[in-house]
Amino acid sequence: MQSYAFIFPGQGSQHPGMGRELAENFKVAAQSFEEADDALGFSISRLCFEGPEEELKLTANTQPAILAASIAAWRVLKAESPLSPCFLAGHSLGEYSALVASGALSFADALRTVRARGSFMQDAVPVGVGTMAAILGVEGEQLLEFCQEAAQGEIVSPANYNSPGQIVIAGHTGAVGRVIEIAKARGFRKAMLLPVSAPFHCALMKPAAERLADTLEGVQVAPLAAPVVSNVEATPNADSGRVKGLLVEQVCSPVLWDASVQQMVASGVTRFVEIGPGKVLAGLVKRIDKEAQSFNVQDSAGVKALAGGEL
């Protein structure tokens, strides 16, 4: 018997055209995008389907766009397939999609919250003051040493533990640059800046976390139908009373994706289904555990393959 986890992508998975093919072929997907437009008060569906890419890249647009496309895909899969996941999880923004799929957050509340979250994150640090970089091949403890050496009174720290040997750092632009120099000097040649608009998941995001906490006060959290593995703790949470606190803490904390996948595998998960645009998480799963199978559902072909038992 196969045990499934449904996983949801985060920022960086966006592209013009996402969700369009599903909306054209499945009524429930089209209705999901209509619902998203109504909740946000503007046409996020147009932005998903047509772009322009520069507008889609703005984090206040990216976050609700990916969430809308992910939930549209999840609703189609739910309607077409009897699969029931043991766990749900999402990378950063994707944790909100996971919480919608679990029943903890309403779709409309999640959309409005992540749009605000995107604005708060962008406003927290002036453009150019902070950035992020991927450091490949280095282990966590050694990278922490590089960050401490490079800080020089500024902030820089691991932001995403994505998979073995793939860690992203975030912080002040100067400090991030110094980590890259140190890493390359120590033989880690694959260290590069990322094209991001803000230094997510580090202490510079504290103003965003405080504003998000205020926004979440007005959001209702319902019981979870399936546990959601939180980014902050890399452990399953089924307590609705903890959801808001974990989401606020997530803004400044590193995403423990590697440990989250390992936790689900240790709990018996053998198949991971990435639901939403892109295939980034499916690729990371393969790097984390070579025995685990991973699939992607972002279009009709993915839905039919999974629902039809072809995978």
Protein backbone atom coordinates (compact mmCIF):
# COMPACT_ATOMS: atom_id res chain seq x y z
CA MET A 1 0.00 0.00 0.00
CA GLN A 2 1.40 3.37 -1.04
CA SER A 3 1.26 6.29 1.38
CA TYR A 4 0.94 9.75 -0.17
CA ALA A 5 1.89 13.27 0.85
CA PHE A 6 0.59 16.28 -1.06
CA ILE A 7 3.17 19.08 -1.32
CA PHE A 8 2.65 22.62 -2.60
CA PRO A 9 5.17 24.95 -4.31
CA GLY A 10 6.31 28.35 -3.14
CA GLN A 11 7.66 31.48 -4.74
CA GLY A 12 9.81 30.92 -7.80
CA SER A 13 7.35 28.49 -9.39
CA GLN A 14 5.33 31.20 -11.15
CA HIS A 15 5.09 31.56 -14.91
CA PRO A 16 2.57 33.16 -17.28
CA GLY A 17 0.05 30.55 -18.39
CA MET A 18 -0.05 28.68 -15.10
CA GLY A 19 -3.43 27.15 -14.39
CA ARG A 20 -4.90 28.15 -17.75
CA GLU A 21 -4.99 24.68 -19.29
CA LEU A 22 -6.70 23.26 -16.18
CA ALA A 23 -9.26 26.10 -16.16
CA GLU A 24 -10.05 25.41 -19.82
CA ASN A 25 -10.60 21.69 -19.19
CA PHE A 26 -12.11 21.45 -15.71
CA LYS A 27 -15.05 23.49 -14.43
CA VAL A 28 -13.86 23.26 -10.81
CA ALA A 29 -10.55 24.89 -11.80
CA ALA A 30 -12.30 27.71 -13.68
CA GLN A 31 -14.56 28.27 -10.68
CA SER A 32 -11.53 28.37 -8.38
CA PHE A 33 -9.98 31.19 -10.38
CA GLU A 34 -13.29 33.06 -10.41
CA GLU A 35 -13.43 32.66 -6.64
CA ALA A 36 -9.88 34.02 -6.37
CA ASP A 37 -10.74 37.07 -8.49
CA ASP A 38 -13.74 37.79 -6.26
CA ALA A 39 -11.74 37.36 -3.04
CA LEU A 40 -8.95 39.70 -4.15
CA GLY A 41 -11.04 42.27 -6.00
CA PHE A 42 -8.97 42.09 -9.18
CA SER A 43 -8.27 39.56 -11.92
CA ILE A 44 -5.52 37.34 -10.53
CA SER A 45 -6.69 34.79 -13.13
CA ARG A 46 -5.67 37.11 -15.98
CA LEU A 47 -2.27 37.58 -14.36
CA CYS A 48 -1.83 33.80 -14.01
CA PHE A 49 -2.99 33.02 -17.54
CA GLU A 50 -1.45 35.91 -19.48
CA GLY A 51 1.08 37.79 -17.35
CA PRO A 52 2.83 40.12 -17.99
CA GLU A 53 5.74 38.33 -16.36
CA GLU A 54 7.14 41.49 -14.73
CA GLU A 55 3.84 42.08 -12.95
CA LEU A 56 3.57 38.43 -11.98
CA LYS A 57 7.07 38.60 -10.42
CA LEU A 58 6.00 41.24 -7.88
CA THR A 59 5.78 39.29 -4.64
CA ALA A 60 2.38 40.77 -3.67
CA ASN A 61 1.06 39.25 -6.94
CA THR A 62 3.23 36.13 -7.04
CA GLN A 63 2.03 34.79 -3.72
CA PRO A 64 -1.74 34.81 -4.38
CA ALA A 65 -1.16 33.74 -8.00
CA ILE A 66 0.73 30.57 -7.01
CA LEU A 67 -1.78 29.83 -4.27
CA ALA A 68 -4.71 30.23 -6.70
CA ALA A 69 -3.10 27.97 -9.31
CA SER A 70 -2.18 25.39 -6.66
CA ILE A 71 -5.64 25.20 -5.11
CA ALA A 72 -7.27 25.01 -8.56
CA ALA A 73 -5.06 22.00 -9.33
CA TRP A 74 -5.74 20.44 -5.92
CA ARG A 75 -9.52 20.78 -6.37
CA VAL A 76 -9.33 19.10 -9.77
CA LEU A 77 -7.26 16.24 -8.36
CA LYS A 78 -9.68 15.90 -5.44
CA ALA A 79 -12.63 15.69 -7.83
CA GLU A 80 -10.95 13.22 -10.19
CA SER A 81 -9.02 10.98 -7.79
CA PRO A 82 -9.77 9.05 -4.58
CA LEU A 83 -6.26 9.67 -3.24
CA SER A 84 -6.13 10.71 0.39
CA PRO A 85 -2.82 12.07 1.73
CA CYS A 86 -1.32 11.13 5.10
CA PHE A 87 0.38 14.52 5.28
CA LEU A 88 0.30 17.92 3.61
CA ALA A 89 3.22 20.32 3.32
CA GLY A 90 4.32 23.36 1.36
CA HIS A 91 7.52 25.29 0.78
CA SER A 92 7.22 28.77 2.37
CA LEU A 93 4.15 30.28 0.65
CA GLY A 94 3.12 26.70 -0.18
CA GLU A 95 2.35 26.10 3.48
CA TYR A 96 -0.74 28.30 3.00
CA SER A 97 -1.90 26.10 0.10
CA ALA A 98 -1.37 23.06 2.33
CA LEU A 99 -3.47 24.68 5.06
CA VAL A 100 -6.29 25.38 2.58
CA ALA A 101 -6.14 21.75 1.42
CA SER A 102 -6.28 20.62 5.07
CA GLY A 103 -9.41 22.71 5.66
CA ALA A 104 -7.69 24.93 8.24
CA LEU A 105 -7.89 28.11 6.14
CA SER A 106 -10.58 29.18 3.72
CA PHE A 107 -9.41 29.79 0.16
CA ALA A 108 -10.51 33.44 0.27
CA ASP A 109 -8.81 34.14 3.61
CA ALA A 110 -5.59 32.50 2.44
CA LEU A 111 -5.55 34.52 -0.79
CA ARG A 112 -6.04 37.84 1.00
CA THR A 113 -3.50 36.91 3.67
CA VAL A 114 -0.72 35.94 1.26
CA ARG A 115 -1.28 39.07 -0.83
CA ALA A 116 -0.80 41.11 2.34
CA ARG A 117 2.16 38.90 3.32
CA GLY A 118 3.82 39.64 -0.01
CA SER A 119 3.39 43.39 0.47
CA PHE A 120 4.67 43.21 4.05
CA MET A 121 7.76 41.28 2.97
CA GLN A 122 8.51 43.72 0.16
CA ASP A 123 8.03 46.73 2.45
CA ALA A 124 10.20 45.30 5.25
CA VAL A 125 13.50 45.89 3.43
CA PRO A 126 14.18 48.62 0.84
CA VAL A 127 15.12 47.28 -2.60
CA GLY A 128 18.85 46.63 -2.77
CA VAL A 129 19.41 46.47 0.98
CA GLY A 130 18.89 42.73 1.21
CA THR A 131 19.24 39.71 -1.05
CA MET A 132 19.49 35.90 -1.18
CA ALA A 133 22.02 33.43 -2.57
CA ALA A 134 22.20 29.70 -3.22
CA ILE A 135 25.26 27.92 -1.85
CA LEU A 136 25.65 24.41 -3.31
CA GLY A 137 27.66 21.52 -1.95
CA VAL A 138 28.18 22.86 1.57
CA GLU A 139 26.67 21.33 4.70
CA GLY A 140 24.59 23.29 7.18
CA GLU A 141 27.06 23.61 10.06
CA GLN A 142 29.86 24.79 7.81
CA LEU A 143 27.59 27.33 6.11
CA LEU A 144 26.57 28.68 9.51
CA GLU A 145 30.27 29.29 10.21
CA PHE A 146 30.60 31.14 6.89
CA CYS A 147 27.61 33.32 7.82
CA GLN A 148 29.05 34.14 11.24
CA GLU A 149 32.40 35.04 9.67
CA ALA A 150 30.78 37.20 6.99
CA ALA A 151 28.23 39.05 9.12
CA GLN A 152 30.48 41.87 10.41
CA GLY A 153 27.57 43.42 12.29
CA GLU A 154 25.07 42.74 9.52
CA ILE A 155 22.46 39.98 9.19
CA VAL A 156 23.02 36.86 7.09
CA SER A 157 21.72 33.36 7.82
CA PRO A 158 20.41 30.16 6.17
CA ALA A 159 16.91 30.77 4.78
CA ASN A 160 16.03 27.52 2.97
CA TYR A 161 17.43 24.08 3.72
CA ASN A 162 16.16 22.67 0.43
CA SER A 163 18.03 19.37 0.06
CA PRO A 164 21.43 17.90 0.92
CA GLY A 165 24.02 20.31 -0.43
CA GLN A 166 21.49 22.93 -1.50
CA ILE A 167 21.01 25.73 1.02
CA VAL A 168 19.85 29.30 0.39
CA ILE A 169 21.00 32.18 2.57
CA ALA A 170 19.40 35.60 3.11
CA GLY A 171 20.38 38.89 4.68
CA HIS A 172 22.04 42.24 4.03
CA THR A 173 23.42 42.44 0.49
CA GLY A 174 26.98 43.08 1.63
CA ALA A 175 26.98 40.18 4.08
CA VAL A 176 25.48 37.77 1.53
CA GLY A 177 28.21 38.82 -0.92
CA ARG A 178 30.88 38.11 1.69
CA VAL A 179 29.48 34.60 2.29
CA ILE A 180 29.73 33.93 -1.45
CA GLU A 181 33.37 35.08 -1.43
CA ILE A 182 34.18 32.91 1.60
CA ALA A 183 32.44 29.87 0.11
CA LYS A 184 34.31 30.21 -3.18
CA ALA A 185 37.61 30.70 -1.37
CA ARG A 186 36.97 27.43 0.50
CA GLY A 187 36.34 25.54 -2.74
CA PHE A 188 32.56 25.83 -3.07
CA ARG A 189 32.43 27.31 -6.56
CA LYS A 190 28.66 27.07 -6.99
CA ALA A 191 27.62 30.05 -4.90
CA MET A 192 25.38 32.57 -6.66
CA LEU A 193 23.01 35.44 -6.01
CA LEU A 194 19.32 34.75 -6.66
CA PRO A 195 17.00 37.09 -8.60
CA VAL A 196 14.70 37.90 -5.66
CA SER A 197 13.00 41.11 -4.58
CA ALA A 198 13.64 40.73 -0.84
CA PRO A 199 15.67 38.66 1.69
CA PHE A 200 12.99 36.20 2.77
CA HIS A 201 13.14 33.99 5.89
CA CYS A 202 15.71 35.94 7.89
CA ALA A 203 15.68 38.42 10.77
CA LEU A 204 15.32 41.37 8.37
CA MET A 205 11.72 40.22 7.87
CA LYS A 206 10.73 41.00 11.49
CA PRO A 207 8.55 44.02 10.51
CA ALA A 208 6.69 41.77 8.05
CA ALA A 209 6.13 39.12 10.74
CA GLU A 210 4.65 41.70 13.10
CA ARG A 211 2.25 43.01 10.45
CA LEU A 212 1.28 39.46 9.43
CA ALA A 213 0.42 38.66 13.05
CA ASP A 214 -2.02 41.59 13.06
CA THR A 215 -3.59 40.42 9.78
CA LEU A 216 -3.99 36.85 11.01
CA GLU A 217 -5.90 38.00 14.07
CA GLY A 218 -8.98 38.41 11.89
CA VAL A 219 -8.63 35.01 10.19
CA GLN A 220 -10.58 31.95 11.34
CA VAL A 221 -8.71 28.64 11.62
CA ALA A 222 -10.78 25.45 11.35
CA PRO A 223 -9.80 21.91 12.43
CA LEU A 224 -7.26 20.24 10.14
CA ALA A 225 -8.48 17.23 8.15
CA ALA A 226 -4.86 16.07 7.71
CA PRO A 227 -1.70 17.19 9.53
CA VAL A 228 0.44 19.86 7.89
CA VAL A 229 4.22 19.55 8.27
CA SER A 230 5.33 23.05 9.25
CA ASN A 231 8.36 24.76 7.70
CA VAL A 232 9.49 26.02 11.11
CA GLU A 233 9.57 22.69 12.95
CA ALA A 234 9.63 20.07 10.15
CA THR A 235 7.05 18.10 12.16
CA PRO A 236 3.35 17.44 11.52
CA ASN A 237 0.91 19.85 13.15
CA ALA A 238 -2.76 18.94 13.59
CA ASP A 239 -3.50 21.60 16.24
CA SER A 240 -5.52 24.47 14.75
CA GLY A 241 -4.54 26.62 17.72
CA ARG A 242 -0.89 26.57 16.62
CA VAL A 243 -1.42 27.44 12.94
CA LYS A 244 -1.22 31.24 13.22
CA GLY A 245 1.85 31.22 15.46
CA LEU A 246 3.71 28.90 13.11
CA LEU A 247 2.86 31.09 10.09
CA VAL A 248 4.13 34.21 11.85
CA GLU A 249 7.32 32.46 12.99
CA GLN A 250 7.86 31.15 9.46
CA VAL A 251 8.46 34.67 8.07
CA CYS A 252 11.82 35.07 9.85
CA SER A 253 12.76 31.38 10.22
CA PRO A 254 14.52 29.10 7.74
CA VAL A 255 12.38 26.71 5.68
CA LEU A 256 13.32 23.22 6.88
CA TRP A 257 12.28 21.47 3.66
CA ASP A 258 14.96 18.77 3.69
CA ALA A 259 14.01 17.75 7.25
CA SER A 260 10.28 17.98 6.45
CA VAL A 261 10.57 15.46 3.61
CA GLN A 262 12.76 13.19 5.74
CA GLN A 263 10.14 13.35 8.51
CA MET A 264 7.36 12.30 6.12
CA VAL A 265 9.46 9.46 4.69
CA ALA A 266 10.25 8.25 8.23
CA SER A 267 6.48 8.29 8.91
CA GLY A 268 5.83 5.94 5.98
CA VAL A 269 5.28 8.25 2.99
CA THR A 270 6.46 6.63 -0.24
CA ARG A 271 4.93 8.97 -2.84
CA PHE A 272 4.97 12.76 -2.98
CA VAL A 273 2.54 14.63 -5.23
CA GLU A 274 3.53 18.23 -5.99
CA ILE A 275 0.32 20.12 -6.71
CA GLY A 276 0.63 23.45 -8.53
CA PRO A 277 2.93 25.21 -10.98
CA GLY A 278 6.44 23.92 -11.58
CA LYS A 279 8.32 20.78 -10.59
CA VAL A 280 10.87 22.21 -8.14
CA LEU A 281 9.70 20.30 -5.07
CA ALA A 282 9.39 17.00 -6.94
CA GLY A 283 13.04 17.44 -7.92
CA LEU A 284 14.08 18.21 -4.35
CA VAL A 285 12.29 15.12 -3.06
CA LYS A 286 14.40 12.96 -5.39
CA ARG A 287 17.57 14.59 -4.05
CA ILE A 288 16.48 14.09 -0.43
CA ASP A 289 15.36 10.46 -0.71
CA LYS A 290 16.21 8.42 -3.79
CA GLU A 291 13.65 5.73 -2.89
CA ALA A 292 10.70 8.13 -2.69
CA GLN A 293 8.59 8.64 -5.82
CA SER A 294 7.48 12.12 -6.79
CA PHE A 295 4.89 13.34 -9.27
CA ASN A 296 3.57 16.69 -10.39
CA VAL A 297 -0.01 17.82 -10.99
CA GLN A 298 -0.22 21.14 -12.81
CA ASP A 299 -2.17 20.22 -15.94
CA SER A 300 -4.69 17.71 -17.33
CA ALA A 301 -2.01 15.16 -18.17
CA GLY A 302 -0.77 15.08 -14.57
CA VAL A 303 -4.30 14.80 -13.19
CA LYS A 304 -5.25 11.96 -15.55
CA ALA A 305 -2.03 10.04 -14.97
CA LEU A 306 -2.45 10.15 -11.19
CA ALA A 307 -6.23 9.67 -11.14
CA GLY A 308 -6.02 6.85 -13.68
CA GLY A 309 -3.47 4.89 -11.68
CA GLU A 310 -0.77 5.25 -14.33
CA LEU A 311 1.75 6.55 -11.77
